[in-house]
């Protein structure tokens, strides 16, 4: 599965593909901590400015958020930019828990 979204009957490999992006992992971890979020396109812990911020916002709106929404992992209101947990959020939550629990043992860009 190259870059298509995960389905409800997804395999473990499909879930890992969905979590391959550091941006998507950080967004989902932040949803574990606080649900819903306003304007999640640039997570607060990502130090970006100017053109870099604009590029990330475009990628989020055109790639990351649609993939997560199509997989049912998030619910995204494009009008207000509210993002919340979707009906399939529980599919990725155990993997996120492992990443969070072992963040000190994993590469720095894991989360």
Foldseek 3Di string as FASTA:
>chain_A
DAQAAAALPGDPVNLVSLLVDLLLLVCLVVLVVPFKDFQSQDPPPDDDDDPVSVVSSVCCVPGNVVRCVVRQQWDADPVRRIIHGGPSVVVCVVVSVVCVVCVVVDDVSSD
